Amino acid sequence: MSGFRDTKRFSRLRSVAVPVGASVIRAGVLCRAVPPPDRLSGLLCCPRLLRRTLGIACGLVLCWSLWTLMPVRADGSATLLTAQPTAVPEFRTIFDGRSLAGWNGDAKVFRVEEGAVVGGQLQQNIPHNFFLEFEQEFSDFELTLELKLVGKQTNAGIQLRSRRIPDHHEMIGYQADLGQEYWGCLYDESRRRRVLARPDPEALSRVLRPTDWNSCRILCQGRRIQYWINDFQTVDYHEEDASIEQTGKIALQIHGGPPGEAWYCHIRIRELKQL
């Protein structure tokens, strides 16, 4: 019973617990009863008095329960128990805007300009596909970035859950495609070599800025991949082939072909709990 000797804690707690218990006590008090001649017999014979007595008893028990279970802060004040919110994974930046630290690729093709990763060139043709891959592997994640393409026939993409092909310049895996008639498509690079899903071109044309910056969001959860450009969802794809790997690297691509550049910046990712 040492708690009764902690008068500071009791006084703080009373300001919270008593109003809660009082509402229950009040329910009993409001039941008006005629005082019986005998207390015990009257209690048993008068339902309204019985309800009043039980209401007061329940209120006192509730006050006591709150007092014993309620946590106390360091300053002696009481606080009600509340459910703690589930922690939501935070985004982290994986491109610092100054260097290619953490990224692997051909330094003659990829560079940093004006706070963005730039792949490609405008002076001559690009001999083949080039990829700049991030060092870490991911399974379930949400990726956001901004991008723009420079050049009339430029094509590029963002590799997802992908891997380098040994002793080769190519990567294998899903690609969020960019450029030409492939804007907003999900392509299977070096594996099935085909478009897996594509957007409605007319709807996409209303939000797409082909020669300016566009926002991009990609969500990979389980066997589902979703893709947005400027908040317009272009793809909602579910992988039916259980043999297709769902873990791998993220990479930025500049496609082989005519002179062109792909610019990427504000690259952020957050890992999600696997489904």
Protein backbone atom coordinates (compact mmCIF):
# COMPACT_ATOMS: atom_id res chain seq x y z
CA MET A 1 0.00 0.00 0.00
CA SER A 2 2.94 2.31 -0.42
CA GLY A 3 1.04 4.05 -3.22
CA PHE A 4 -1.21 5.77 -0.73
CA ARG A 5 1.81 7.43 0.79
CA ASP A 6 2.74 8.94 -2.60
CA THR A 7 0.44 11.94 -2.18
CA LYS A 8 1.78 13.77 -5.24
CA ARG A 9 1.04 10.83 -7.49
CA PHE A 10 -2.38 10.37 -5.92
CA SER A 11 -3.38 14.01 -6.34
CA ARG A 12 -2.28 14.03 -9.97
CA LEU A 13 -4.07 10.78 -10.66
CA ARG A 14 -7.23 11.88 -8.90
CA SER A 15 -7.64 14.74 -11.41
CA VAL A 16 -7.87 12.17 -14.21
CA ALA A 17 -9.41 9.08 -12.62
CA VAL A 18 -12.14 10.63 -10.48
CA PRO A 19 -14.06 12.31 -13.37
CA VAL A 20 -14.09 8.97 -15.19
CA GLY A 21 -15.39 7.06 -12.19
CA ALA A 22 -17.82 9.82 -11.29
CA SER A 23 -19.84 9.22 -14.44
CA VAL A 24 -20.46 5.66 -13.27
CA ILE A 25 -21.20 6.74 -9.70
CA ARG A 26 -23.64 9.36 -10.98
CA ALA A 27 -25.63 6.65 -12.72
CA GLY A 28 -26.27 5.05 -9.34
CA VAL A 29 -26.98 8.29 -7.48
CA LEU A 30 -29.58 9.38 -10.01
CA CYS A 31 -31.64 6.28 -9.22
CA ARG A 32 -33.85 7.77 -6.49
CA ALA A 33 -34.94 5.26 -3.87
CA VAL A 34 -37.13 5.46 -0.82
CA PRO A 35 -35.07 4.68 2.33
CA PRO A 36 -36.24 1.32 3.69
CA PRO A 37 -36.72 0.66 7.43
CA ASP A 38 -34.17 -2.09 7.41
CA ARG A 39 -30.93 -1.57 5.40
CA LEU A 40 -30.36 -5.18 4.39
CA SER A 41 -33.94 -6.07 3.66
CA GLY A 42 -34.45 -2.74 1.89
CA LEU A 43 -31.44 -3.34 -0.30
CA LEU A 44 -32.78 -6.69 -1.39
CA CYS A 45 -36.36 -5.55 -1.80
CA CYS A 46 -35.78 -2.22 -3.61
CA PRO A 47 -34.31 -2.63 -7.11
CA ARG A 48 -33.62 1.09 -7.45
CA LEU A 49 -31.58 1.16 -4.26
CA LEU A 50 -29.72 -1.93 -5.40
CA ARG A 51 -28.83 -0.26 -8.70
CA ARG A 52 -27.68 2.84 -6.83
CA THR A 53 -25.43 0.83 -4.52
CA LEU A 54 -23.94 -1.23 -7.36
CA GLY A 55 -23.31 1.93 -9.42
CA ILE A 56 -21.35 3.54 -6.59
CA ALA A 57 -19.36 0.34 -6.02
CA CYS A 58 -18.50 0.02 -9.71
CA GLY A 59 -17.37 3.64 -9.83
CA LEU A 60 -15.05 3.14 -6.87
CA VAL A 61 -13.60 -0.02 -8.42
CA LEU A 62 -13.01 1.82 -11.70
CA CYS A 63 -11.20 4.67 -9.92
CA TRP A 64 -9.01 2.17 -8.08
CA SER A 65 -8.21 0.27 -11.31
CA LEU A 66 -7.22 3.43 -13.14
CA TRP A 67 -5.01 4.47 -10.23
CA THR A 68 -3.16 1.15 -10.03
CA LEU A 69 -2.71 0.65 -13.79
CA MET A 70 -2.05 4.18 -14.95
CA PRO A 71 1.63 4.94 -15.75
CA VAL A 72 3.26 7.91 -14.08
CA ARG A 73 5.65 10.33 -15.74
CA ALA A 74 8.98 11.30 -14.26
CA ASP A 75 7.42 14.48 -12.78
CA GLY A 76 4.82 12.45 -10.91
CA SER A 77 1.88 13.25 -13.19
CA ALA A 78 -0.42 10.51 -14.43
CA THR A 79 -1.22 9.74 -18.03
CA LEU A 80 -3.88 7.55 -19.65
CA LEU A 81 -2.79 4.38 -21.42
CA THR A 82 -2.99 4.84 -25.20
CA ALA A 83 -2.19 2.55 -28.14
CA GLN A 84 1.17 3.28 -29.72
CA PRO A 85 1.04 3.89 -33.50
CA THR A 86 2.83 1.43 -35.76
CA ALA A 87 6.09 2.85 -37.08
CA VAL A 88 5.94 3.69 -40.78
CA PRO A 89 9.20 3.17 -42.72
CA GLU A 90 10.76 6.46 -43.73
CA PHE A 91 12.12 7.41 -47.13
CA ARG A 92 15.86 7.76 -47.48
CA THR A 93 17.80 9.50 -50.21
CA ILE A 94 20.07 7.20 -52.24
CA PHE A 95 21.56 9.87 -54.51
CA ASP A 96 23.26 12.79 -52.75
CA GLY A 97 23.11 15.18 -55.73
CA ARG A 98 26.89 15.66 -55.75
CA SER A 99 28.52 12.32 -56.56
CA LEU A 100 27.80 8.78 -57.72
CA ALA A 101 28.69 7.32 -54.31
CA GLY A 102 26.87 4.00 -53.85
CA TRP A 103 26.24 3.63 -57.58
CA ASN A 104 28.14 1.45 -60.08
CA GLY A 105 28.39 2.10 -63.80
CA ASP A 106 30.47 3.49 -66.63
CA ALA A 107 31.85 6.88 -65.50
CA LYS A 108 32.26 7.90 -69.16
CA VAL A 109 28.51 7.58 -69.67
CA PHE A 110 27.05 8.61 -66.32
CA ARG A 111 27.93 11.83 -64.49
CA VAL A 112 26.46 14.41 -62.11
CA GLU A 113 25.28 17.76 -63.43
CA GLU A 114 23.16 20.38 -61.67
CA GLY A 115 22.27 17.97 -58.86
CA ALA A 116 21.12 15.19 -61.20
CA VAL A 117 22.46 11.92 -62.59
CA VAL A 118 22.90 12.34 -66.33
CA GLY A 119 23.32 9.35 -68.61
CA GLY A 120 24.18 9.54 -72.29
CA GLN A 121 25.45 12.23 -74.64
CA LEU A 122 24.17 14.60 -77.30
CA GLN A 123 27.21 14.66 -79.61
CA GLN A 124 27.09 11.13 -81.02
CA ASN A 125 25.13 7.90 -81.03
CA ILE A 126 25.02 5.71 -77.93
CA PRO A 127 26.52 2.34 -78.89
CA HIS A 128 24.38 0.14 -76.61
CA ASN A 129 22.40 0.15 -73.38
CA PHE A 130 24.18 1.43 -70.27
CA PHE A 131 23.08 0.98 -66.66
CA LEU A 132 23.99 2.71 -63.41
CA GLU A 133 23.04 0.35 -60.57
CA PHE A 134 22.64 1.08 -56.88
CA GLU A 135 24.76 -1.11 -54.62
CA GLN A 136 21.95 -2.49 -52.44
CA GLU A 137 19.34 -5.11 -53.32
CA PHE A 138 15.64 -4.64 -52.56
CA SER A 139 12.53 -6.81 -52.48
CA ASP A 140 9.48 -4.82 -51.42
CA PHE A 141 9.91 -1.06 -51.65
CA GLU A 142 8.54 2.31 -52.75
CA LEU A 143 10.76 4.40 -55.03
CA THR A 144 10.25 8.05 -55.97
CA LEU A 145 12.30 10.31 -58.24
CA GLU A 146 12.12 13.02 -60.87
CA LEU A 147 13.33 12.60 -64.44
CA LYS A 148 13.48 14.12 -67.89
CA LEU A 149 14.69 13.03 -71.31
CA VAL A 150 16.65 15.20 -73.72
CA GLY A 151 16.72 14.36 -77.44
CA LYS A 152 14.10 13.56 -80.06
CA GLN A 153 14.34 9.76 -79.95
CA THR A 154 15.73 9.20 -76.45
CA ASN A 155 14.73 6.07 -74.59
CA ALA A 156 15.61 5.15 -71.02
CA GLY A 157 14.24 3.31 -68.02
CA ILE A 158 14.45 2.36 -64.35
CA GLN A 159 15.43 -1.21 -63.58
CA LEU A 160 13.60 -2.95 -60.72
CA ARG A 161 14.50 -6.22 -59.01
CA SER A 162 17.21 -6.67 -61.63
CA ARG A 163 20.72 -8.14 -61.92
CA ARG A 164 23.78 -7.67 -64.09
CA ILE A 165 24.31 -10.31 -66.72
CA PRO A 166 27.83 -11.64 -66.03
CA ASP A 167 30.50 -10.37 -68.46
CA HIS A 168 27.94 -8.30 -70.34
CA HIS A 169 26.73 -4.71 -70.46
CA GLU A 170 23.06 -5.71 -70.08
CA MET A 171 20.87 -6.20 -67.02
CA ILE A 172 17.99 -8.62 -66.62
CA GLY A 173 14.76 -7.72 -64.82
CA TYR A 174 11.73 -5.48 -64.77
CA GLN A 175 12.05 -1.99 -66.26
CA ALA A 176 9.81 1.06 -65.78
CA ASP A 177 10.15 2.28 -69.35
CA LEU A 178 10.60 5.89 -70.49
CA GLY A 179 10.57 7.60 -73.86
CA GLN A 180 9.06 7.27 -77.32
CA GLU A 181 5.91 5.12 -77.32
CA TYR A 182 7.10 3.30 -74.20
CA TRP A 183 6.40 6.00 -71.62
CA GLY A 184 4.77 4.41 -68.55
CA CYS A 185 5.17 0.81 -69.74
CA LEU A 186 6.54 -2.08 -67.70
CA TYR A 187 9.09 -3.94 -69.80
CA ASP A 188 10.92 -7.21 -69.07
CA GLU A 189 14.55 -6.39 -69.95
CA SER A 190 16.71 -9.22 -71.36
CA ARG A 191 14.35 -11.91 -70.04
CA ARG A 192 11.01 -12.14 -71.84
CA ARG A 193 11.97 -9.04 -73.87
CA ARG A 194 8.44 -7.70 -74.15
CA VAL A 195 6.10 -5.14 -72.66
CA LEU A 196 4.28 -6.69 -69.69
CA ALA A 197 1.77 -3.87 -69.18
CA ARG A 198 1.14 -0.47 -70.74
CA PRO A 199 -1.00 2.61 -69.98
CA ASP A 200 -3.80 4.19 -71.97
CA PRO A 201 -1.75 6.50 -74.24
CA GLU A 202 -4.46 9.15 -74.50
CA ALA A 203 -4.90 9.39 -70.72
CA LEU A 204 -1.12 9.49 -70.20
CA SER A 205 -0.70 12.26 -72.77
CA ARG A 206 -2.81 14.57 -70.61
CA VAL A 207 -0.27 14.51 -67.76
CA LEU A 208 3.04 13.69 -69.46
CA ARG A 209 5.67 16.38 -70.12
CA PRO A 210 7.90 14.68 -72.75
CA THR A 211 10.61 17.37 -72.80
CA ASP A 212 10.44 18.53 -69.18
CA TRP A 213 10.71 17.11 -65.67
CA ASN A 214 8.25 14.40 -64.62
CA SER A 215 7.68 12.81 -61.22
CA CYS A 216 7.85 9.05 -60.98
CA ARG A 217 6.65 6.66 -58.27
CA ILE A 218 7.10 2.89 -58.26
CA LEU A 219 5.64 0.50 -55.69
CA CYS A 220 6.80 -3.13 -55.53
CA GLN A 221 5.01 -5.36 -53.03
CA GLY A 222 4.94 -9.11 -53.25
CA ARG A 223 4.38 -10.05 -56.88
CA ARG A 224 2.68 -6.75 -57.67
CA ILE A 225 4.32 -3.74 -59.37
CA GLN A 226 2.61 -0.36 -59.67
CA TYR A 227 3.95 2.60 -61.60
CA TRP A 228 2.89 6.28 -61.64
CA ILE A 229 4.02 9.26 -63.75
CA ASN A 230 2.94 12.68 -62.46
CA ASP A 231 0.47 10.92 -60.09
CA PHE A 232 -1.18 9.09 -63.00
CA GLN A 233 -1.05 5.31 -62.57
CA THR A 234 0.28 3.77 -65.76
CA VAL A 235 0.71 0.14 -64.64
CA ASP A 236 -0.74 -2.23 -62.05
CA TYR A 237 0.94 -5.53 -62.84
CA HIS A 238 0.80 -8.87 -61.01
CA GLU A 239 3.45 -11.45 -61.82
CA GLU A 240 1.86 -14.84 -62.50
CA ASP A 241 5.12 -16.71 -63.15
CA ALA A 242 6.31 -18.02 -59.77
CA SER A 243 9.80 -18.66 -61.16
CA ILE A 244 10.50 -14.92 -61.70
CA GLU A 245 12.74 -13.54 -58.96
CA GLN A 246 11.28 -10.71 -56.88
CA THR A 247 14.53 -9.40 -55.39
CA GLY A 248 17.35 -7.49 -57.03
CA LYS A 249 19.00 -4.18 -57.87
CA ILE A 250 17.64 -0.80 -58.87
CA ALA A 251 19.39 0.82 -61.85
CA LEU A 252 19.09 3.84 -64.16
CA GLN A 253 19.30 3.20 -67.90
CA ILE A 254 20.17 5.15 -71.00
CA HIS A 255 19.15 3.16 -74.06
CA GLY A 256 21.45 2.62 -77.02
CA GLY A 257 20.54 4.58 -80.15
CA PRO A 258 20.52 8.20 -81.34
CA PRO A 259 22.17 10.95 -79.26
CA GLY A 260 20.21 11.57 -76.09
CA GLU A 261 20.37 12.11 -72.34
CA ALA A 262 18.37 10.83 -69.38
CA TRP A 263 18.36 13.00 -66.25
CA TYR A 264 17.41 11.62 -62.82
CA CYS A 265 17.26 13.43 -59.46
CA HIS A 266 15.67 13.43 -55.98
CA ILE A 267 15.94 9.64 -55.82
CA ARG A 268 14.42 8.28 -52.61
CA ILE A 269 13.40 4.82 -51.43
CA ARG A 270 11.78 3.18 -48.46
CA GLU A 271 11.79 -0.54 -47.80
CA LEU A 272 8.44 -2.18 -47.01
CA LYS A 273 7.56 -5.26 -45.04
CA GLN A 274 7.45 -8.25 -47.34
CA LEU A 275 3.97 -9.63 -48.01
